[in-house]
């Protein structure tokens, strides 16, 4: 089974959402991408349709924007 991907920037909103996602979906079903640690994956997230973080991209390619921590422009700055 393909995993969902949870993208975030490490802000308090993102970290809180990460904890909830891991609890709901399970660590085996989601890949966590922290842009502070993996800046090279920003383009991948944008290509997938991520407009702000935190965001969860489902295995079907749907982008679920969760709450609002930062825009992708803020993440790239």
PDB file of N, CA and C in Angstrom:
ATOM      1  N   UNK A   1       0.840  -1.189   0.000  1.00  0.00           N
ATOM      2  CA  UNK A   1       0.000   0.000   0.000  1.00  0.00           C
ATOM      3  C   UNK A   1       0.878   1.242   0.000  1.00  0.00           C
ATOM      4  N   UNK A   2       0.534   2.188  -0.826  1.00  0.00           N
ATOM      5  CA  UNK A   2       1.260   3.448  -0.892  1.00  0.00           C
ATOM      6  C   UNK A   2       0.919   4.297   0.338  1.00  0.00           C
ATOM      7  N   UNK A   3       1.911   5.004   0.841  1.00  0.00           N
ATOM      8  CA  UNK A   3       1.722   5.839   2.023  1.00  0.00           C
ATOM      9  C   UNK A   3       1.221   7.228   1.651  1.00  0.00           C
ATOM     10  N   UNK A   4       0.544   7.861   2.604  1.00  0.00           N
ATOM     11  CA  UNK A   4       0.257   9.283   2.513  1.00  0.00           C
ATOM     12  C   UNK A   4       1.548  10.016   2.860  1.00  0.00           C
ATOM     13  N   UNK A   5       1.657  11.276   2.441  1.00  0.00           N
ATOM     14  CA  UNK A   5       2.824  12.090   2.786  1.00  0.00           C
ATOM     15  C   UNK A   5       2.334  13.329   3.514  1.00  0.00           C
ATOM     16  N   UNK A   6       2.872  13.555   4.698  1.00  0.00           N
ATOM     17  CA  UNK A   6       2.529  14.729   5.498  1.00  0.00           C
ATOM     18  C   UNK A   6       3.690  15.710   5.424  1.00  0.00           C
ATOM     19  N   UNK A   7       3.422  16.874   4.831  1.00  0.00           N
ATOM     20  CA  UNK A   7       4.445  17.911   4.688  1.00  0.00           C
ATOM     21  C   UNK A   7       4.226  18.976   5.754  1.00  0.00           C
ATOM     22  N   UNK A   8       5.331  19.423   6.363  1.00  0.00           N
ATOM     23  CA  UNK A   8       5.211  20.519   7.320  1.00  0.00           C
ATOM     24  C   UNK A   8       6.530  21.271   7.460  1.00  0.00           C
ATOM     25  N   UNK A   9       6.450  22.408   8.159  1.00  0.00           N
ATOM     26  CA  UNK A   9       7.605  23.293   8.287  1.00  0.00           C
ATOM     27  C   UNK A   9       8.146  23.380   9.705  1.00  0.00           C
ATOM     28  N   UNK A  10       7.567  22.639  10.627  1.00  0.00           N
ATOM     29  CA  UNK A  10       8.091  22.618  11.985  1.00  0.00           C
ATOM     30  C   UNK A  10       7.498  23.636  12.937  1.00  0.00           C
ATOM     31  N   UNK A  11       6.563  24.445  12.469  1.00  0.00           N
ATOM     32  CA  UNK A  11       5.933  25.429  13.360  1.00  0.00           C
ATOM     33  C   UNK A  11       5.023  24.706  14.352  1.00  0.00           C
ATOM     34  N   UNK A  12       4.589  25.375  15.430  1.00  0.00           N
ATOM     35  CA  UNK A  12       3.733  24.719  16.421  1.00  0.00           C
ATOM     36  C   UNK A  12       2.445  24.130  15.827  1.00  0.00           C
ATOM     37  N   UNK A  13       1.829  24.821  14.871  1.00  0.00           N
ATOM     38  CA  UNK A  13       0.620  24.309  14.228  1.00  0.00           C
ATOM     39  C   UNK A  13       0.942  23.003  13.506  1.00  0.00           C
ATOM     40  N   UNK A  14       2.074  22.992  12.794  1.00  0.00           N
ATOM     41  CA  UNK A  14       2.484  21.810  12.030  1.00  0.00           C
ATOM     42  C   UNK A  14       2.806  20.627  12.943  1.00  0.00           C
ATOM     43  N   UNK A  15       3.534  20.880  14.004  1.00  0.00           N
ATOM     44  CA  UNK A  15       3.936  19.808  14.926  1.00  0.00           C
ATOM     45  C   UNK A  15       2.702  19.201  15.593  1.00  0.00           C
ATOM     46  N   UNK A  16       1.761  20.032  15.985  1.00  0.00           N
ATOM     47  CA  UNK A  16       0.524  19.539  16.580  1.00  0.00           C
ATOM     48  C   UNK A  16      -0.248  18.681  15.590  1.00  0.00           C
ATOM     49  N   UNK A  17      -0.350  19.151  14.334  1.00  0.00           N
ATOM     50  CA  UNK A  17      -1.050  18.385  13.304  1.00  0.00           C
ATOM     51  C   UNK A  17      -0.323  17.072  13.023  1.00  0.00           C
ATOM     52  N   UNK A  18       1.011  17.100  13.023  1.00  0.00           N
ATOM     53  CA  UNK A  18       1.789  15.874  12.804  1.00  0.00           C
ATOM     54  C   UNK A  18       1.436  14.821  13.850  1.00  0.00           C
ATOM     55  N   UNK A  19       1.384  15.225  15.101  1.00  0.00           N
ATOM     56  CA  UNK A  19       1.066  14.284  16.174  1.00  0.00           C
ATOM     57  C   UNK A  19      -0.323  13.685  15.980  1.00  0.00           C
ATOM     58  N   UNK A  20      -1.283  14.521  15.599  1.00  0.00           N
ATOM     59  CA  UNK A  20      -2.641  14.027  15.373  1.00  0.00           C
ATOM     60  C   UNK A  20      -2.709  13.087  14.173  1.00  0.00           C
ATOM     61  N   UNK A  21      -2.022  13.430  13.092  1.00  0.00           N
ATOM     62  CA  UNK A  21      -2.012  12.587  11.898  1.00  0.00           C
ATOM     63  C   UNK A  21      -1.407  11.223  12.219  1.00  0.00           C
ATOM     64  N   UNK A  22      -0.288  11.217  12.916  1.00  0.00           N
ATOM     65  CA  UNK A  22       0.351   9.946  13.277  1.00  0.00           C
ATOM     66  C   UNK A  22      -0.567   9.086  14.138  1.00  0.00           C
ATOM     67  N   UNK A  23      -1.289   9.732  15.050  1.00  0.00           N
ATOM     68  CA  UNK A  23      -2.213   8.990  15.903  1.00  0.00           C
ATOM     69  C   UNK A  23      -3.397   8.443  15.102  1.00  0.00           C
ATOM     70  N   UNK A  24      -3.903   9.236  14.170  1.00  0.00           N
ATOM     71  CA  UNK A  24      -5.068   8.827  13.380  1.00  0.00           C
ATOM     72  C   UNK A  24      -4.736   7.805  12.293  1.00  0.00           C
ATOM     73  N   UNK A  25      -3.647   8.050  11.570  1.00  0.00           N
ATOM     74  CA  UNK A  25      -3.317   7.250  10.389  1.00  0.00           C
ATOM     75  C   UNK A  25      -2.350   6.119  10.727  1.00  0.00           C
ATOM     76  N   UNK A  26      -1.490   6.355  11.686  1.00  0.00           N
ATOM     77  CA  UNK A  26      -0.491   5.357  12.066  1.00  0.00           C
ATOM     78  C   UNK A  26       0.838   5.603  11.388  1.00  0.00           C
ATOM     79  N   UNK A  27       1.908   5.359  12.098  1.00  0.00           N
ATOM     80  CA  UNK A  27       3.253   5.645  11.580  1.00  0.00           C
ATOM     81  C   UNK A  27       3.617   4.809  10.360  1.00  0.00           C
ATOM     82  N   UNK A  28       3.002   3.653  10.208  1.00  0.00           N
ATOM     83  CA  UNK A  28       3.304   2.804   9.054  1.00  0.00           C
ATOM     84  C   UNK A  28       2.625   3.266   7.772  1.00  0.00           C
ATOM     85  N   UNK A  29       1.663   4.183   7.903  1.00  0.00           N
ATOM     86  CA  UNK A  29       0.860   4.595   6.752  1.00  0.00           C
ATOM     87  C   UNK A  29       1.125   6.008   6.266  1.00  0.00           C
ATOM     88  N   UNK A  30       2.055   6.691   6.909  1.00  0.00           N
ATOM     89  CA  UNK A  30       2.326   8.079   6.529  1.00  0.00           C
ATOM     90  C   UNK A  30       3.824   8.358   6.593  1.00  0.00           C
ATOM     91  N   UNK A  31       4.305   9.076   5.586  1.00  0.00           N
ATOM     92  CA  UNK A  31       5.693   9.550   5.568  1.00  0.00           C
ATOM     93  C   UNK A  31       5.672  11.013   6.001  1.00  0.00           C
ATOM     94  N   UNK A  32       6.525  11.366   6.933  1.00  0.00           N
ATOM     95  CA  UNK A  32       6.615  12.738   7.423  1.00  0.00           C
ATOM     96  C   UNK A  32       7.761  13.447   6.703  1.00  0.00           C
ATOM     97  N   UNK A  33       7.453  14.613   6.132  1.00  0.00           N
ATOM     98  CA  UNK A  33       8.485  15.420   5.470  1.00  0.00           C
ATOM     99  C   UNK A  33       8.512  16.791   6.149  1.00  0.00           C
ATOM    100  N   UNK A  34       9.599  17.061   6.847  1.00  0.00           N
ATOM    101  CA  UNK A  34       9.824  18.342   7.527  1.00  0.00           C
ATOM    102  C   UNK A  34      10.715  19.171   6.604  1.00  0.00           C
ATOM    103  N   UNK A  35      10.200  20.275   6.086  1.00  0.00           N
ATOM    104  CA  UNK A  35      10.959  21.065   5.119  1.00  0.00           C
ATOM    105  C   UNK A  35      12.234  21.658   5.695  1.00  0.00           C
ATOM    106  N   UNK A  36      12.296  21.862   7.000  1.00  0.00           N
ATOM    107  CA  UNK A  36      13.527  22.341   7.617  1.00  0.00           C
ATOM    108  C   UNK A  36      14.653  21.319   7.510  1.00  0.00           C
ATOM    109  N   UNK A  37      14.274  20.057   7.403  1.00  0.00           N
ATOM    110  CA  UNK A  37      15.250  18.976   7.294  1.00  0.00           C
ATOM    111  C   UNK A  37      15.383  18.453   5.861  1.00  0.00           C
ATOM    112  N   UNK A  38      14.391  18.744   5.019  1.00  0.00           N
ATOM    113  CA  UNK A  38      14.366  18.217   3.645  1.00  0.00           C
ATOM    114  C   UNK A  38      13.911  19.283   2.656  1.00  0.00           C
ATOM    115  N   UNK A  39      14.668  20.376   2.569  1.00  0.00           N
ATOM    116  CA  UNK A  39      14.307  21.470   1.660  1.00  0.00           C
ATOM    117  C   UNK A  39      14.199  21.006   0.210  1.00  0.00           C
ATOM    118  N   UNK A  40      14.923  19.966  -0.145  1.00  0.00           N
ATOM    119  CA  UNK A  40      14.905  19.470  -1.515  1.00  0.00           C
ATOM    120  C   UNK A  40      13.542  18.911  -1.917  1.00  0.00           C
ATOM    121  N   UNK A  41      12.667  18.698  -0.961  1.00  0.00           N
ATOM    122  CA  UNK A  41      11.355  18.113  -1.264  1.00  0.00           C
ATOM    123  C   UNK A  41      10.255  19.166  -1.433  1.00  0.00           C
ATOM    124  N   UNK A  42      10.624  20.447  -1.336  1.00  0.00           N
ATOM    125  CA  UNK A  42       9.637  21.518  -1.503  1.00  0.00           C
ATOM    126  C   UNK A  42       9.029  21.472  -2.902  1.00  0.00           C
ATOM    127  N   UNK A  43       9.842  21.330  -3.933  1.00  0.00           N
ATOM    128  CA  UNK A  43       9.334  21.286  -5.309  1.00  0.00           C
ATOM    129  C   UNK A  43       8.386  20.106  -5.500  1.00  0.00           C
ATOM    130  N   UNK A  44       8.706  18.974  -4.906  1.00  0.00           N
ATOM    131  CA  UNK A  44       7.847  17.779  -4.972  1.00  0.00           C
ATOM    132  C   UNK A  44       6.470  18.082  -4.393  1.00  0.00           C
ATOM    133  N   UNK A  45       6.450  18.751  -3.240  1.00  0.00           N
ATOM    134  CA  UNK A  45       5.182  19.090  -2.591  1.00  0.00           C
ATOM    135  C   UNK A  45       4.374  20.053  -3.451  1.00  0.00           C
ATOM    136  N   UNK A  46       5.032  21.056  -3.998  1.00  0.00           N
ATOM    137  CA  UNK A  46       4.333  22.014  -4.854  1.00  0.00           C
ATOM    138  C   UNK A  46       3.764  21.325  -6.097  1.00  0.00           C
ATOM    139  N   UNK A  47       4.526  20.424  -6.672  1.00  0.00           N
ATOM    140  CA  UNK A  47       4.061  19.679  -7.845  1.00  0.00           C
ATOM    141  C   UNK A  47       2.827  18.843  -7.498  1.00  0.00           C
ATOM    142  N   UNK A  48       2.769  18.345  -6.270  1.00  0.00           N
ATOM    143  CA  UNK A  48       1.625  17.548  -5.821  1.00  0.00           C
ATOM    144  C   UNK A  48       0.398  18.413  -5.539  1.00  0.00           C
ATOM    145  N   UNK A  49       0.589  19.748  -5.460  1.00  0.00           N
ATOM    146  CA  UNK A  49      -0.532  20.647  -5.221  1.00  0.00           C
ATOM    147  C   UNK A  49      -0.579  21.265  -3.847  1.00  0.00           C
ATOM    148  N   UNK A  50       0.462  21.084  -3.052  1.00  0.00           N
ATOM    149  CA  UNK A  50       0.502  21.673  -1.713  1.00  0.00           C
ATOM    150  C   UNK A  50       0.664  23.185  -1.836  1.00  0.00           C
ATOM    151  N   UNK A  51      -0.271  23.928  -1.220  1.00  0.00           N
ATOM    152  CA  UNK A  51      -0.256  25.397  -1.258  1.00  0.00           C
ATOM    153  C   UNK A  51       0.164  26.003   0.074  1.00  0.00           C
ATOM    154  N   UNK A  52      -0.023  25.228   1.145  1.00  0.00           N
ATOM    155  CA  UNK A  52       0.354  25.686   2.483  1.00  0.00           C
ATOM    156  C   UNK A  52       0.611  24.449   3.332  1.00  0.00           C
ATOM    157  N   UNK A  53       1.279  24.662   4.445  1.00  0.00           N
ATOM    158  CA  UNK A  53       1.540  23.566   5.374  1.00  0.00           C
ATOM    159  C   UNK A  53       0.917  23.894   6.719  1.00  0.00           C
ATOM    160  N   UNK A  54       0.529  22.886   7.450  1.00  0.00           N
ATOM    161  CA  UNK A  54       0.663  21.466   7.194  1.00  0.00           C
ATOM    162  C   UNK A  54      -0.322  20.976   6.137  1.00  0.00           C
ATOM    163  N   UNK A  55       0.105  19.943   5.415  1.00  0.00           N
ATOM    164  CA  UNK A  55      -0.744  19.350   4.382  1.00  0.00           C
ATOM    165  C   UNK A  55      -0.456  17.852   4.287  1.00  0.00           C
ATOM    166  N   UNK A  56      -1.492  17.111   4.002  1.00  0.00           N
ATOM    167  CA  UNK A  56      -1.384  15.669   3.828  1.00  0.00           C
ATOM    168  C   UNK A  56      -1.766  15.342   2.390  1.00  0.00           C
ATOM    169  N   UNK A  57      -0.880  14.650   1.687  1.00  0.00           N
ATOM    170  CA  UNK A  57      -1.174  14.187   0.335  1.00  0.00           C
ATOM    171  C   UNK A  57      -1.499  12.704   0.448  1.00  0.00           C
ATOM    172  N   UNK A  58      -2.707  12.344   0.016  1.00  0.00           N
ATOM    173  CA  UNK A  58      -3.170  10.964   0.130  1.00  0.00           C
ATOM    174  C   UNK A  58      -2.580  10.109  -0.986  1.00  0.00           C
ATOM    175  N   UNK A  59      -2.640   8.796  -0.840  1.00  0.00           N
ATOM    176  CA  UNK A  59      -2.140   7.920  -1.893  1.00  0.00           C
ATOM    177  C   UNK A  59      -2.827   8.144  -3.248  1.00  0.00           C
ATOM    178  N   UNK A  60      -4.053   8.657  -3.231  1.00  0.00           N
ATOM    179  CA  UNK A  60      -4.774   8.956  -4.471  1.00  0.00           C
ATOM    180  C   UNK A  60      -4.377  10.298  -5.075  1.00  0.00           C
ATOM    181  N   UNK A  61      -3.530  11.058  -4.370  1.00  0.00           N
ATOM    182  CA  UNK A  61      -3.081  12.351  -4.871  1.00  0.00           C
ATOM    183  C   UNK A  61      -3.902  13.536  -4.402  1.00  0.00           C
ATOM    184  N   UNK A  62      -4.867  13.300  -3.520  1.00  0.00           N
ATOM    185  CA  UNK A  62      -5.639  14.413  -2.968  1.00  0.00           C
ATOM    186  C   UNK A  62      -4.793  15.150  -1.940  1.00  0.00           C
ATOM    187  N   UNK A  63      -4.877  16.480  -1.948  1.00  0.00           N
ATOM    188  CA  UNK A  63      -4.132  17.299  -0.990  1.00  0.00           C
ATOM    189  C   UNK A  63      -5.103  17.819   0.053  1.00  0.00           C
ATOM    190  N   UNK A  64      -4.841  17.473   1.296  1.00  0.00           N
ATOM    191  CA  UNK A  64      -5.665  17.927   2.409  1.00  0.00           C
ATOM    192  C   UNK A  64      -4.876  18.981   3.183  1.00  0.00           C
ATOM    193  N   UNK A  65      -5.282  20.234   3.028  1.00  0.00           N
ATOM    194  CA  UNK A  65      -4.622  21.314   3.755  1.00  0.00           C
ATOM    195  C   UNK A  65      -5.233  21.369   5.153  1.00  0.00           C
ATOM    196  N   UNK A  66      -4.386  21.255   6.156  1.00  0.00           N
ATOM    197  CA  UNK A  66      -4.825  21.133   7.539  1.00  0.00           C
ATOM    198  C   UNK A  66      -4.487  22.410   8.284  1.00  0.00           C
ATOM    199  N   UNK A  67      -5.542  23.045   8.838  1.00  0.00           N
ATOM    200  CA  UNK A  67      -5.319  24.280   9.580  1.00  0.00           C
ATOM    201  C   UNK A  67      -4.529  25.237   8.697  1.00  0.00           C
ATOM    202  N   UNK A  68      -3.698  26.085   9.235  1.00  0.00           N
ATOM    203  CA  UNK A  68      -2.838  26.937   8.420  1.00  0.00           C
ATOM    204  C   UNK A  68      -1.638  27.320   9.253  1.00  0.00           C
ATOM    205  N   UNK A  69      -0.475  26.873   8.811  1.00  0.00           N
ATOM    206  CA  UNK A  69       0.776  27.207   9.496  1.00  0.00           C
ATOM    207  C   UNK A  69       1.574  28.209   8.709  1.00  0.00           C
ATOM    208  N   UNK A  70       1.757  27.932   7.405  1.00  0.00           N
ATOM    209  CA  UNK A  70       2.563  28.811   6.547  1.00  0.00           C
ATOM    210  C   UNK A  70       2.261  28.512   5.084  1.00  0.00           C
ATOM    211  N   UNK A  71       2.372  29.540   4.264  1.00  0.00           N
ATOM    212  CA  UNK A  71       2.232  29.340   2.812  1.00  0.00           C
ATOM    213  C   UNK A  71       3.529  28.731   2.272  1.00  0.00           C
ATOM    214  N   UNK A  72       3.472  28.177   1.089  1.00  0.00           N
ATOM    215  CA  UNK A  72       4.683  27.628   0.485  1.00  0.00           C
ATOM    216  C   UNK A  72       5.686  28.748   0.204  1.00  0.00           C
ATOM    217  N   UNK A  73       5.206  29.953  -0.074  1.00  0.00           N
ATOM    218  CA  UNK A  73       6.121  31.082  -0.273  1.00  0.00           C
ATOM    219  C   UNK A  73       6.906  31.350   1.009  1.00  0.00           C
ATOM    220  N   UNK A  74       6.227  31.257   2.139  1.00  0.00           N
ATOM    221  CA  UNK A  74       6.901  31.445   3.436  1.00  0.00           C
ATOM    222  C   UNK A  74       7.921  30.322   3.678  1.00  0.00           C
ATOM    223  N   UNK A  75       7.560  29.119   3.291  1.00  0.00           N
ATOM    224  CA  UNK A  75       8.445  27.969   3.496  1.00  0.00           C
ATOM    225  C   UNK A  75       9.722  28.138   2.672  1.00  0.00           C
ATOM    226  N   UNK A  76       9.588  28.653   1.447  1.00  0.00           N
ATOM    227  CA  UNK A  76      10.733  28.809   0.549  1.00  0.00           C
ATOM    228  C   UNK A  76      11.623  29.986   0.941  1.00  0.00           C
ATOM    229  N   UNK A  77      11.087  30.919   1.706  1.00  0.00           N
ATOM    230  CA  UNK A  77      11.862  32.130   2.073  1.00  0.00           C
ATOM    231  C   UNK A  77      12.956  31.843   3.066  1.00  0.00           C
TER     232      UNK A  77
END
